[in-house]
């Protein structure tokens, strides 16, 4: 089955054609992130306006690159939430319109479920063979969750952030350091060669038995560290970026290490925009004895439509009755999947 995916939850506008199982035939992403360097973050109204402009062109390009037309599309999958309201309206309206015009079923997909499916995306050849149960950290600018999954559509939420998301901690930290948006790549570039122990940061929730996350304290610690340090030399800025990045990654790794001790799992997966961080990948590999996976390409770590289409395929495989009830040519319907909470 060929599925057209549409993703527009934040500042990306993406369309993709994916075959059931995760084979990506095309994945087109039009990002407006470059327009938000001055503001240090996404301006929701501006992001939605750009998505109105990009929506149809990315769909046309995705179909063209996949060498197919709308008659080859058997299902349209679109992100229905969470995300920026205006941005979500652009994507869901597009999906509903195309579904009505083409007579093609439309289904709404939870954004986080898309990320959880991203490690199965591949550009051809043999599909990824992965073994449940899987412990998955999904970390981006909008959420930080820790899941124990027993199948593609079944699992238990072990922990989530109590305040800010890991990606937001990177973005706000970069803004304080005078680095451009998005913050994760900016801090990672400036952290190269820096001393991770030059500036001490606390380990959040280290005395707690919970598997939850908290990043607000790290942002506050960065603020006061910069106040006490005064004007930073280029070398000090490099050290501070490295220390702050290390602190965020250590907190994520600490929760993963605890979860692996408490819950049997065959693999650990890292998904979401933060999973592209090389320092995090290395720390997790050193911390656990089971295989660690992340999406095959960075473009599958950040928001993209291929992961939304892939998730819809897994729902179809594992719960066809629920999918049939959710299909509609006029509206996207939220699914009572395990991600709903």
C-alpha atoms as a PDB file:
ATOM      1  CA  UNK A   1       0.000   0.000   0.000  1.00  0.00           C
ATOM      2  CA  UNK A   2       1.201   3.493  -0.869  1.00  0.00           C
ATOM      3  CA  UNK A   3       0.423   6.127   1.738  1.00  0.00           C
ATOM      4  CA  UNK A   4       0.663   9.895   1.323  1.00  0.00           C
ATOM      5  CA  UNK A   5       1.854  11.490   4.554  1.00  0.00           C
ATOM      6  CA  UNK A   6       1.367  15.165   5.463  1.00  0.00           C
ATOM      7  CA  UNK A   7       3.110  16.836   8.421  1.00  0.00           C
ATOM      8  CA  UNK A   8       2.685  20.479   9.457  1.00  0.00           C
ATOM      9  CA  UNK A   9       2.751  20.572  13.248  1.00  0.00           C
ATOM     10  CA  UNK A  10       5.379  23.314  13.638  1.00  0.00           C
ATOM     11  CA  UNK A  11       7.629  25.143  11.173  1.00  0.00           C
ATOM     12  CA  UNK A  12       8.069  22.337   8.631  1.00  0.00           C
ATOM     13  CA  UNK A  13       5.695  21.611   5.765  1.00  0.00           C
ATOM     14  CA  UNK A  14       6.276  18.067   4.580  1.00  0.00           C
ATOM     15  CA  UNK A  15       4.718  15.520   2.248  1.00  0.00           C
ATOM     16  CA  UNK A  16       5.927  11.978   1.609  1.00  0.00           C
ATOM     17  CA  UNK A  17       4.941   8.796  -0.169  1.00  0.00           C
ATOM     18  CA  UNK A  18       5.741   5.665   1.833  1.00  0.00           C
ATOM     19  CA  UNK A  19       4.983   2.007   1.240  1.00  0.00           C
ATOM     20  CA  UNK A  20       3.674  -0.077   4.133  1.00  0.00           C
ATOM     21  CA  UNK A  21       6.581  -1.150   6.318  1.00  0.00           C
ATOM     22  CA  UNK A  22       8.600   2.051   6.012  1.00  0.00           C
ATOM     23  CA  UNK A  23       9.993   2.082   2.458  1.00  0.00           C
ATOM     24  CA  UNK A  24      10.273   5.797   1.617  1.00  0.00           C
ATOM     25  CA  UNK A  25       9.601   6.634  -2.024  1.00  0.00           C
ATOM     26  CA  UNK A  26       9.781  10.391  -1.429  1.00  0.00           C
ATOM     27  CA  UNK A  27      10.035  12.779   1.493  1.00  0.00           C
ATOM     28  CA  UNK A  28       9.847  16.501   0.769  1.00  0.00           C
ATOM     29  CA  UNK A  29      10.379  19.057   3.540  1.00  0.00           C
ATOM     30  CA  UNK A  30       9.958  22.821   3.189  1.00  0.00           C
ATOM     31  CA  UNK A  31      11.163  24.504   6.379  1.00  0.00           C
ATOM     32  CA  UNK A  32      10.614  28.077   7.494  1.00  0.00           C
ATOM     33  CA  UNK A  33      13.089  27.800  10.410  1.00  0.00           C
ATOM     34  CA  UNK A  34      15.520  30.172   8.705  1.00  0.00           C
ATOM     35  CA  UNK A  35      12.986  32.968   9.064  1.00  0.00           C
ATOM     36  CA  UNK A  36      13.008  32.667  12.858  1.00  0.00           C
ATOM     37  CA  UNK A  37      16.696  33.288  13.554  1.00  0.00           C
ATOM     38  CA  UNK A  38      16.018  36.822  14.771  1.00  0.00           C
ATOM     39  CA  UNK A  39      13.166  35.810  17.080  1.00  0.00           C
ATOM     40  CA  UNK A  40      15.063  32.825  18.523  1.00  0.00           C
ATOM     41  CA  UNK A  41      12.000  30.612  18.096  1.00  0.00           C
ATOM     42  CA  UNK A  42       8.943  29.911  15.976  1.00  0.00           C
ATOM     43  CA  UNK A  43       6.323  32.626  15.514  1.00  0.00           C
ATOM     44  CA  UNK A  44       3.135  30.537  15.086  1.00  0.00           C
ATOM     45  CA  UNK A  45       1.278  32.912  12.756  1.00  0.00           C
ATOM     46  CA  UNK A  46       4.270  33.305  10.453  1.00  0.00           C
ATOM     47  CA  UNK A  47       4.840  29.542  10.358  1.00  0.00           C
ATOM     48  CA  UNK A  48       1.220  28.907   9.336  1.00  0.00           C
ATOM     49  CA  UNK A  49       1.382  31.524   6.576  1.00  0.00           C
ATOM     50  CA  UNK A  50       4.463  29.849   5.128  1.00  0.00           C
ATOM     51  CA  UNK A  51       2.736  26.475   5.281  1.00  0.00           C
ATOM     52  CA  UNK A  52      -0.211  27.774   3.278  1.00  0.00           C
ATOM     53  CA  UNK A  53       2.338  28.796   0.657  1.00  0.00           C
ATOM     54  CA  UNK A  54       4.274  25.501   0.719  1.00  0.00           C
ATOM     55  CA  UNK A  55       1.458  22.949   1.156  1.00  0.00           C
ATOM     56  CA  UNK A  56       0.443  22.142  -2.419  1.00  0.00           C
ATOM     57  CA  UNK A  57       3.956  22.383  -3.898  1.00  0.00           C
ATOM     58  CA  UNK A  58       5.378  19.814  -1.448  1.00  0.00           C
ATOM     59  CA  UNK A  59       2.541  17.382  -2.224  1.00  0.00           C
ATOM     60  CA  UNK A  60       3.070  17.765  -5.967  1.00  0.00           C
ATOM     61  CA  UNK A  61       6.832  17.270  -5.573  1.00  0.00           C
ATOM     62  CA  UNK A  62       6.380  14.223  -3.318  1.00  0.00           C
ATOM     63  CA  UNK A  63       4.140  12.540  -5.886  1.00  0.00           C
ATOM     64  CA  UNK A  64       6.521  13.416  -8.703  1.00  0.00           C
ATOM     65  CA  UNK A  65       9.606  12.091  -6.885  1.00  0.00           C
ATOM     66  CA  UNK A  66       7.745   8.881  -6.013  1.00  0.00           C
ATOM     67  CA  UNK A  67       6.864   8.518  -9.697  1.00  0.00           C
ATOM     68  CA  UNK A  68       3.166   8.112  -8.983  1.00  0.00           C
ATOM     69  CA  UNK A  69      -0.099  10.020  -9.215  1.00  0.00           C
ATOM     70  CA  UNK A  70      -3.016  10.365  -6.825  1.00  0.00           C
ATOM     71  CA  UNK A  71      -4.635   7.218  -8.179  1.00  0.00           C
ATOM     72  CA  UNK A  72      -1.739   5.223  -6.710  1.00  0.00           C
ATOM     73  CA  UNK A  73      -2.378   6.634  -3.218  1.00  0.00           C
ATOM     74  CA  UNK A  74      -4.587   4.325  -1.140  1.00  0.00           C
ATOM     75  CA  UNK A  75      -4.516   6.283   2.126  1.00  0.00           C
ATOM     76  CA  UNK A  76      -3.721   9.842   3.257  1.00  0.00           C
ATOM     77  CA  UNK A  77      -2.199  10.188   6.733  1.00  0.00           C
ATOM     78  CA  UNK A  78      -1.924  13.600   8.380  1.00  0.00           C
ATOM     79  CA  UNK A  79      -0.672  14.880  11.733  1.00  0.00           C
ATOM     80  CA  UNK A  80      -3.687  15.935  13.804  1.00  0.00           C
ATOM     81  CA  UNK A  81      -1.757  16.969  16.932  1.00  0.00           C
ATOM     82  CA  UNK A  82      -0.132  17.989  19.096  1.00  0.00           C
ATOM     83  CA  UNK A  83       1.386  21.111  17.583  1.00  0.00           C
ATOM     84  CA  UNK A  84       0.690  24.715  16.675  1.00  0.00           C
ATOM     85  CA  UNK A  85      -3.030  25.127  16.023  1.00  0.00           C
ATOM     86  CA  UNK A  86      -2.722  27.225  12.859  1.00  0.00           C
ATOM     87  CA  UNK A  87      -0.098  24.906  11.417  1.00  0.00           C
ATOM     88  CA  UNK A  88      -2.160  21.799  12.154  1.00  0.00           C
ATOM     89  CA  UNK A  89      -5.183  23.382  10.481  1.00  0.00           C
ATOM     90  CA  UNK A  90      -3.183  23.881   7.289  1.00  0.00           C
ATOM     91  CA  UNK A  91      -2.189  20.215   7.129  1.00  0.00           C
ATOM     92  CA  UNK A  92      -5.532  18.717   8.123  1.00  0.00           C
ATOM     93  CA  UNK A  93      -7.454  21.004   5.772  1.00  0.00           C
ATOM     94  CA  UNK A  94      -5.149  19.999   2.926  1.00  0.00           C
ATOM     95  CA  UNK A  95      -5.578  16.298   3.717  1.00  0.00           C
ATOM     96  CA  UNK A  96      -9.363  16.565   3.963  1.00  0.00           C
ATOM     97  CA  UNK A  97      -9.542  18.463   0.687  1.00  0.00           C
ATOM     98  CA  UNK A  98      -7.354  15.985  -1.181  1.00  0.00           C
ATOM     99  CA  UNK A  99      -9.262  13.071   0.309  1.00  0.00           C
ATOM    100  CA  UNK A 100     -12.562  14.543  -0.860  1.00  0.00           C
ATOM    101  CA  UNK A 101     -11.255  15.312  -4.356  1.00  0.00           C
ATOM    102  CA  UNK A 102      -9.544  11.964  -4.858  1.00  0.00           C
ATOM    103  CA  UNK A 103     -12.052   9.770  -2.991  1.00  0.00           C
ATOM    104  CA  UNK A 104      -9.185   8.569  -0.797  1.00  0.00           C
ATOM    105  CA  UNK A 105      -9.512   7.646   2.901  1.00  0.00           C
ATOM    106  CA  UNK A 106      -7.905  10.085   5.372  1.00  0.00           C
ATOM    107  CA  UNK A 107      -6.657   9.258   8.850  1.00  0.00           C
ATOM    108  CA  UNK A 108      -5.225  11.454  11.624  1.00  0.00           C
ATOM    109  CA  UNK A 109      -1.940  10.395  13.232  1.00  0.00           C
ATOM    110  CA  UNK A 110      -0.545  11.482  16.586  1.00  0.00           C
ATOM    111  CA  UNK A 111       2.698  13.405  16.026  1.00  0.00           C
ATOM    112  CA  UNK A 112       4.640  11.456  18.654  1.00  0.00           C
ATOM    113  CA  UNK A 113       3.511   8.139  17.178  1.00  0.00           C
ATOM    114  CA  UNK A 114       5.088   9.316  13.956  1.00  0.00           C
ATOM    115  CA  UNK A 115       8.425   9.845  15.689  1.00  0.00           C
ATOM    116  CA  UNK A 116       8.196   6.427  17.351  1.00  0.00           C
ATOM    117  CA  UNK A 117       7.828   4.880  13.889  1.00  0.00           C
ATOM    118  CA  UNK A 118      10.787   6.733  12.363  1.00  0.00           C
ATOM    119  CA  UNK A 119      13.428   4.068  13.078  1.00  0.00           C
ATOM    120  CA  UNK A 120      11.688   1.811  10.553  1.00  0.00           C
ATOM    121  CA  UNK A 121      12.046   4.293   7.699  1.00  0.00           C
ATOM    122  CA  UNK A 122      14.431   3.209   4.956  1.00  0.00           C
ATOM    123  CA  UNK A 123      15.202   4.253   1.402  1.00  0.00           C
ATOM    124  CA  UNK A 124      15.196   0.774  -0.100  1.00  0.00           C
ATOM    125  CA  UNK A 125      16.628  -2.686   0.332  1.00  0.00           C
ATOM    126  CA  UNK A 126      15.762  -4.951   3.238  1.00  0.00           C
ATOM    127  CA  UNK A 127      13.512  -3.440   5.920  1.00  0.00           C
ATOM    128  CA  UNK A 128      14.869  -2.846   9.397  1.00  0.00           C
ATOM    129  CA  UNK A 129      14.496  -5.890  11.657  1.00  0.00           C
ATOM    130  CA  UNK A 130      13.806  -4.739  15.210  1.00  0.00           C
ATOM    131  CA  UNK A 131      12.714  -6.703  18.239  1.00  0.00           C
ATOM    132  CA  UNK A 132      10.084  -5.716  20.808  1.00  0.00           C
ATOM    133  CA  UNK A 133       9.914  -4.834  23.650  1.00  0.00           C
ATOM    134  CA  UNK A 134      11.690  -1.584  22.847  1.00  0.00           C
ATOM    135  CA  UNK A 135      12.479   1.313  25.170  1.00  0.00           C
ATOM    136  CA  UNK A 136      12.115   4.517  23.167  1.00  0.00           C
ATOM    137  CA  UNK A 137      13.136   8.051  24.079  1.00  0.00           C
ATOM    138  CA  UNK A 138      11.210  10.551  21.966  1.00  0.00           C
ATOM    139  CA  UNK A 139      12.703  14.001  22.472  1.00  0.00           C
ATOM    140  CA  UNK A 140      12.129  17.168  20.469  1.00  0.00           C
ATOM    141  CA  UNK A 141      11.250  20.828  20.899  1.00  0.00           C
ATOM    142  CA  UNK A 142       7.698  20.055  21.996  1.00  0.00           C
ATOM    143  CA  UNK A 143       7.919  16.860  24.036  1.00  0.00           C
ATOM    144  CA  UNK A 144      10.224  14.502  25.906  1.00  0.00           C
ATOM    145  CA  UNK A 145       8.723  11.065  26.564  1.00  0.00           C
ATOM    146  CA  UNK A 146      10.034   7.645  27.531  1.00  0.00           C
ATOM    147  CA  UNK A 147       8.027   4.693  26.203  1.00  0.00           C
ATOM    148  CA  UNK A 148       8.194   0.944  26.753  1.00  0.00           C
ATOM    149  CA  UNK A 149       6.646  -0.498  23.611  1.00  0.00           C
ATOM    150  CA  UNK A 150       5.468  -4.075  23.147  1.00  0.00           C
ATOM    151  CA  UNK A 151       4.371  -3.530  19.527  1.00  0.00           C
ATOM    152  CA  UNK A 152       4.092  -0.664  17.073  1.00  0.00           C
ATOM    153  CA  UNK A 153       0.767   0.432  18.564  1.00  0.00           C
ATOM    154  CA  UNK A 154       0.952  -0.833  22.151  1.00  0.00           C
ATOM    155  CA  UNK A 155       3.049   0.435  24.978  1.00  0.00           C
ATOM    156  CA  UNK A 156       3.378   2.153  28.328  1.00  0.00           C
ATOM    157  CA  UNK A 157       4.427   5.727  28.998  1.00  0.00           C
ATOM    158  CA  UNK A 158       7.147   5.426  31.648  1.00  0.00           C
ATOM    159  CA  UNK A 159       8.099   9.071  31.970  1.00  0.00           C
ATOM    160  CA  UNK A 160       7.569  12.502  30.483  1.00  0.00           C
ATOM    161  CA  UNK A 161       8.844  16.007  31.062  1.00  0.00           C
ATOM    162  CA  UNK A 162       7.331  17.898  33.968  1.00  0.00           C
ATOM    163  CA  UNK A 163       8.021  21.279  32.410  1.00  0.00           C
ATOM    164  CA  UNK A 164      10.136  22.042  29.347  1.00  0.00           C
ATOM    165  CA  UNK A 165      11.111  19.678  26.561  1.00  0.00           C
ATOM    166  CA  UNK A 166      14.736  18.771  25.841  1.00  0.00           C
ATOM    167  CA  UNK A 167      14.625  20.487  22.457  1.00  0.00           C
ATOM    168  CA  UNK A 168      13.240  23.637  24.048  1.00  0.00           C
ATOM    169  CA  UNK A 169      16.110  23.582  26.557  1.00  0.00           C
ATOM    170  CA  UNK A 170      18.509  23.558  23.616  1.00  0.00           C
ATOM    171  CA  UNK A 171      16.632  26.361  21.831  1.00  0.00           C
ATOM    172  CA  UNK A 172      16.370  28.652  24.870  1.00  0.00           C
ATOM    173  CA  UNK A 173      19.940  27.860  25.891  1.00  0.00           C
ATOM    174  CA  UNK A 174      21.193  28.801  22.433  1.00  0.00           C
ATOM    175  CA  UNK A 175      19.248  32.059  22.606  1.00  0.00           C
ATOM    176  CA  UNK A 176      20.899  32.924  25.933  1.00  0.00           C
ATOM    177  CA  UNK A 177      24.302  32.089  24.473  1.00  0.00           C
ATOM    178  CA  UNK A 178      23.662  34.301  21.442  1.00  0.00           C
ATOM    179  CA  UNK A 179      23.552  31.338  19.054  1.00  0.00           C
ATOM    180  CA  UNK A 180      21.054  31.011  16.164  1.00  0.00           C
ATOM    181  CA  UNK A 181      17.842  28.981  16.062  1.00  0.00           C
ATOM    182  CA  UNK A 182      17.410  26.010  15.990  1.00  0.00           C
ATOM    183  CA  UNK A 183      19.391  25.637  19.190  1.00  0.00           C
ATOM    184  CA  UNK A 184      20.339  21.963  19.118  1.00  0.00           C
ATOM    185  CA  UNK A 185      22.598  22.089  16.046  1.00  0.00           C
ATOM    186  CA  UNK A 186      23.984  25.513  17.084  1.00  0.00           C
ATOM    187  CA  UNK A 187      25.016  24.322  20.537  1.00  0.00           C
ATOM    188  CA  UNK A 188      26.402  21.058  19.127  1.00  0.00           C
ATOM    189  CA  UNK A 189      28.608  22.960  16.654  1.00  0.00           C
ATOM    190  CA  UNK A 190      29.903  25.324  19.332  1.00  0.00           C
ATOM    191  CA  UNK A 191      30.449  22.461  21.787  1.00  0.00           C
ATOM    192  CA  UNK A 192      32.961  20.734  19.515  1.00  0.00           C
ATOM    193  CA  UNK A 193      36.311  20.732  21.247  1.00  0.00           C
ATOM    194  CA  UNK A 194      34.835  22.259  24.404  1.00  0.00           C
ATOM    195  CA  UNK A 195      35.453  21.026  27.963  1.00  0.00           C
ATOM    196  CA  UNK A 196      32.308  19.315  29.256  1.00  0.00           C
ATOM    197  CA  UNK A 197      33.438  19.752  32.886  1.00  0.00           C
ATOM    198  CA  UNK A 198      34.395  23.434  32.659  1.00  0.00           C
ATOM    199  CA  UNK A 199      31.046  24.612  34.052  1.00  0.00           C
ATOM    200  CA  UNK A 200      29.130  22.463  36.572  1.00  0.00           C
ATOM    201  CA  UNK A 201      25.409  21.856  36.058  1.00  0.00           C
ATOM    202  CA  UNK A 202      22.964  19.933  38.281  1.00  0.00           C
ATOM    203  CA  UNK A 203      21.498  16.544  37.391  1.00  0.00           C
ATOM    204  CA  UNK A 204      17.716  17.096  37.554  1.00  0.00           C
ATOM    205  CA  UNK A 205      15.576  14.744  39.660  1.00  0.00           C
ATOM    206  CA  UNK A 206      18.614  12.665  40.636  1.00  0.00           C
ATOM    207  CA  UNK A 207      17.094  11.836  44.069  1.00  0.00           C
ATOM    208  CA  UNK A 208      13.703  10.907  42.622  1.00  0.00           C
ATOM    209  CA  UNK A 209      12.477   7.409  41.829  1.00  0.00           C
ATOM    210  CA  UNK A 210      10.435   8.708  38.897  1.00  0.00           C
ATOM    211  CA  UNK A 211      11.416   8.338  35.273  1.00  0.00           C
ATOM    212  CA  UNK A 212      10.132  11.834  34.495  1.00  0.00           C
ATOM    213  CA  UNK A 213      12.271  14.632  33.072  1.00  0.00           C
ATOM    214  CA  UNK A 214      12.752  18.285  34.039  1.00  0.00           C
ATOM    215  CA  UNK A 215      14.765  20.868  32.101  1.00  0.00           C
ATOM    216  CA  UNK A 216      13.639  24.206  33.549  1.00  0.00           C
ATOM    217  CA  UNK A 217      16.315  24.036  36.254  1.00  0.00           C
ATOM    218  CA  UNK A 218      19.081  23.567  33.688  1.00  0.00           C
ATOM    219  CA  UNK A 219      17.969  26.700  31.824  1.00  0.00           C
ATOM    220  CA  UNK A 220      17.986  28.644  35.093  1.00  0.00           C
ATOM    221  CA  UNK A 221      21.437  27.281  35.939  1.00  0.00           C
ATOM    222  CA  UNK A 222      22.714  28.427  32.535  1.00  0.00           C
ATOM    223  CA  UNK A 223      21.299  31.906  33.123  1.00  0.00           C
ATOM    224  CA  UNK A 224      23.082  32.325  36.457  1.00  0.00           C
ATOM    225  CA  UNK A 225      26.280  30.719  35.190  1.00  0.00           C
ATOM    226  CA  UNK A 226      26.433  33.332  32.439  1.00  0.00           C
ATOM    227  CA  UNK A 227      25.698  36.115  34.936  1.00  0.00           C
ATOM    228  CA  UNK A 228      28.520  35.008  37.231  1.00  0.00           C
ATOM    229  CA  UNK A 229      30.997  34.390  34.399  1.00  0.00           C
ATOM    230  CA  UNK A 230      30.596  37.857  32.867  1.00  0.00           C
ATOM    231  CA  UNK A 231      31.776  38.399  29.309  1.00  0.00           C
ATOM    232  CA  UNK A 232      32.788  35.097  27.764  1.00  0.00           C
ATOM    233  CA  UNK A 233      35.807  34.578  25.554  1.00  0.00           C
ATOM    234  CA  UNK A 234      35.338  32.376  22.462  1.00  0.00           C
ATOM    235  CA  UNK A 235      37.009  29.493  24.318  1.00  0.00           C
ATOM    236  CA  UNK A 236      34.755  29.957  27.349  1.00  0.00           C
ATOM    237  CA  UNK A 237      31.681  30.059  25.124  1.00  0.00           C
ATOM    238  CA  UNK A 238      32.795  26.784  23.603  1.00  0.00           C
ATOM    239  CA  UNK A 239      33.273  25.245  27.063  1.00  0.00           C
ATOM    240  CA  UNK A 240      29.910  26.524  28.284  1.00  0.00           C
ATOM    241  CA  UNK A 241      28.108  25.143  25.232  1.00  0.00           C
ATOM    242  CA  UNK A 242      29.809  21.785  25.764  1.00  0.00           C
ATOM    243  CA  UNK A 243      28.978  21.718  29.489  1.00  0.00           C
ATOM    244  CA  UNK A 244      25.333  22.678  28.939  1.00  0.00           C
ATOM    245  CA  UNK A 245      24.865  20.127  26.143  1.00  0.00           C
ATOM    246  CA  UNK A 246      26.469  17.455  28.323  1.00  0.00           C
ATOM    247  CA  UNK A 247      24.109  18.280  31.203  1.00  0.00           C
ATOM    248  CA  UNK A 248      21.012  17.887  29.004  1.00  0.00           C
ATOM    249  CA  UNK A 249      22.308  14.608  27.582  1.00  0.00           C
ATOM    250  CA  UNK A 250      23.261  13.257  31.018  1.00  0.00           C
ATOM    251  CA  UNK A 251      19.727  13.822  32.275  1.00  0.00           C
ATOM    252  CA  UNK A 252      18.286  11.942  29.293  1.00  0.00           C
ATOM    253  CA  UNK A 253      20.790   9.116  29.687  1.00  0.00           C
ATOM    254  CA  UNK A 254      20.151   8.866  33.435  1.00  0.00           C
ATOM    255  CA  UNK A 255      16.441   8.189  32.803  1.00  0.00           C
ATOM    256  CA  UNK A 256      17.231   5.648  30.070  1.00  0.00           C
ATOM    257  CA  UNK A 257      19.738   3.810  32.269  1.00  0.00           C
ATOM    258  CA  UNK A 258      17.231   3.595  35.109  1.00  0.00           C
ATOM    259  CA  UNK A 259      14.454   2.407  32.792  1.00  0.00           C
ATOM    260  CA  UNK A 260      16.616  -0.365  31.323  1.00  0.00           C
ATOM    261  CA  UNK A 261      17.352  -1.634  34.841  1.00  0.00           C
ATOM    262  CA  UNK A 262      13.670  -1.632  35.790  1.00  0.00           C
ATOM    263  CA  UNK A 263      12.120  -2.934  32.562  1.00  0.00           C
ATOM    264  CA  UNK A 264      13.255  -5.730  30.263  1.00  0.00           C
ATOM    265  CA  UNK A 265      13.828  -4.560  26.698  1.00  0.00           C
ATOM    266  CA  UNK A 266      15.635  -5.851  23.636  1.00  0.00           C
ATOM    267  CA  UNK A 267      16.583  -2.469  22.174  1.00  0.00           C
ATOM    268  CA  UNK A 268      16.767   1.231  22.988  1.00  0.00           C
ATOM    269  CA  UNK A 269      15.567   3.711  20.355  1.00  0.00           C
ATOM    270  CA  UNK A 270      16.266   7.440  20.155  1.00  0.00           C
ATOM    271  CA  UNK A 271      13.818   9.447  18.052  1.00  0.00           C
ATOM    272  CA  UNK A 272      12.810  13.073  17.563  1.00  0.00           C
ATOM    273  CA  UNK A 273      14.979  16.059  16.727  1.00  0.00           C
ATOM    274  CA  UNK A 274      17.216  15.617  19.777  1.00  0.00           C
ATOM    275  CA  UNK A 275      18.118  12.094  18.608  1.00  0.00           C
ATOM    276  CA  UNK A 276      20.318  13.704  15.955  1.00  0.00           C
ATOM    277  CA  UNK A 277      22.714  14.841  18.714  1.00  0.00           C
ATOM    278  CA  UNK A 278      25.944  12.844  18.378  1.00  0.00           C
ATOM    279  CA  UNK A 279      26.948  13.338  22.017  1.00  0.00           C
ATOM    280  CA  UNK A 280      23.649  11.843  23.176  1.00  0.00           C
ATOM    281  CA  UNK A 281      24.011   8.830  20.902  1.00  0.00           C
ATOM    282  CA  UNK A 282      27.488   8.056  22.215  1.00  0.00           C
ATOM    283  CA  UNK A 283      26.477   8.447  25.858  1.00  0.00           C
ATOM    284  CA  UNK A 284      23.477   6.134  25.468  1.00  0.00           C
ATOM    285  CA  UNK A 285      25.565   3.481  23.714  1.00  0.00           C
ATOM    286  CA  UNK A 286      28.024   3.558  26.621  1.00  0.00           C
ATOM    287  CA  UNK A 287      25.253   3.441  29.228  1.00  0.00           C
ATOM    288  CA  UNK A 288      23.289   0.348  28.109  1.00  0.00           C
ATOM    289  CA  UNK A 289      24.191  -3.160  26.984  1.00  0.00           C
ATOM    290  CA  UNK A 290      21.351  -3.629  24.458  1.00  0.00           C
ATOM    291  CA  UNK A 291      21.481  -2.374  20.842  1.00  0.00           C
ATOM    292  CA  UNK A 292      20.771   1.339  20.380  1.00  0.00           C
ATOM    293  CA  UNK A 293      19.060   2.590  17.229  1.00  0.00           C
ATOM    294  CA  UNK A 294      18.058   5.933  15.804  1.00  0.00           C
ATOM    295  CA  UNK A 295      16.595   6.972  12.412  1.00  0.00           C
ATOM    296  CA  UNK A 296      18.814   6.151   9.444  1.00  0.00           C
ATOM    297  CA  UNK A 297      19.054   9.796   8.341  1.00  0.00           C
ATOM    298  CA  UNK A 298      18.900  13.123  10.162  1.00  0.00           C
ATOM    299  CA  UNK A 299      15.982  14.110   7.933  1.00  0.00           C
ATOM    300  CA  UNK A 300      13.980  11.359   9.649  1.00  0.00           C
ATOM    301  CA  UNK A 301      14.909  12.647  13.130  1.00  0.00           C
ATOM    302  CA  UNK A 302      13.290  16.034  12.640  1.00  0.00           C
ATOM    303  CA  UNK A 303       9.623  16.548  11.738  1.00  0.00           C
ATOM    304  CA  UNK A 304       8.801  14.854   8.435  1.00  0.00           C
ATOM    305  CA  UNK A 305       5.824  13.344   6.641  1.00  0.00           C
ATOM    306  CA  UNK A 306       7.439   9.955   6.008  1.00  0.00           C
ATOM    307  CA  UNK A 307       7.155   9.041   9.685  1.00  0.00           C
ATOM    308  CA  UNK A 308       3.449   9.980   9.689  1.00  0.00           C
ATOM    309  CA  UNK A 309       2.759   7.747   6.696  1.00  0.00           C
ATOM    310  CA  UNK A 310       4.808   4.920   8.225  1.00  0.00           C
ATOM    311  CA  UNK A 311       2.835   5.126  11.482  1.00  0.00           C
ATOM    312  CA  UNK A 312      -0.435   4.893   9.563  1.00  0.00           C
ATOM    313  CA  UNK A 313       0.821   1.734   7.886  1.00  0.00           C
ATOM    314  CA  UNK A 314       1.582   0.129  11.240  1.00  0.00           C
ATOM    315  CA  UNK A 315      -1.867   1.038  12.537  1.00  0.00           C
ATOM    316  CA  UNK A 316      -3.396  -0.554   9.465  1.00  0.00           C
ATOM    317  CA  UNK A 317      -1.401  -3.749  10.014  1.00  0.00           C
ATOM    318  CA  UNK A 318      -2.058  -4.141  13.729  1.00  0.00           C
ATOM    319  CA  UNK A 319      -5.533  -2.671  14.180  1.00  0.00           C
ATOM    320  CA  UNK A 320      -7.392  -2.704  10.838  1.00  0.00           C
ATOM    321  CA  UNK A 321     -10.826  -2.457  12.502  1.00  0.00           C
ATOM    322  CA  UNK A 322      -9.912   0.777  14.285  1.00  0.00           C
ATOM    323  CA  UNK A 323      -8.426   2.113  11.078  1.00  0.00           C
ATOM    324  CA  UNK A 324     -11.553   1.268   9.108  1.00  0.00           C
ATOM    325  CA  UNK A 325     -13.703   3.119  11.624  1.00  0.00           C
ATOM    326  CA  UNK A 326     -11.386   6.122  11.455  1.00  0.00           C
ATOM    327  CA  UNK A 327     -11.297   6.390   7.661  1.00  0.00           C
ATOM    328  CA  UNK A 328     -13.179   9.268   6.148  1.00  0.00           C
ATOM    329  CA  UNK A 329     -13.081  11.254   2.935  1.00  0.00           C
ATOM    330  CA  UNK A 330     -14.259  14.407   4.684  1.00  0.00           C
ATOM    331  CA  UNK A 331     -12.480  14.590   8.029  1.00  0.00           C
ATOM    332  CA  UNK A 332      -9.514  13.287   9.958  1.00  0.00           C
ATOM    333  CA  UNK A 333     -10.501  11.335  13.028  1.00  0.00           C
ATOM    334  CA  UNK A 334      -8.320  10.983  16.147  1.00  0.00           C
ATOM    335  CA  UNK A 335      -7.478   7.360  16.849  1.00  0.00           C
ATOM    336  CA  UNK A 336      -7.671   5.794  20.298  1.00  0.00           C
ATOM    337  CA  UNK A 337      -4.084   4.616  19.962  1.00  0.00           C
ATOM    338  CA  UNK A 338      -1.804   4.012  22.907  1.00  0.00           C
ATOM    339  CA  UNK A 339      -0.352   7.502  22.496  1.00  0.00           C
ATOM    340  CA  UNK A 340      -3.640   9.115  23.470  1.00  0.00           C
ATOM    341  CA  UNK A 341      -3.468  10.421  27.019  1.00  0.00           C
END
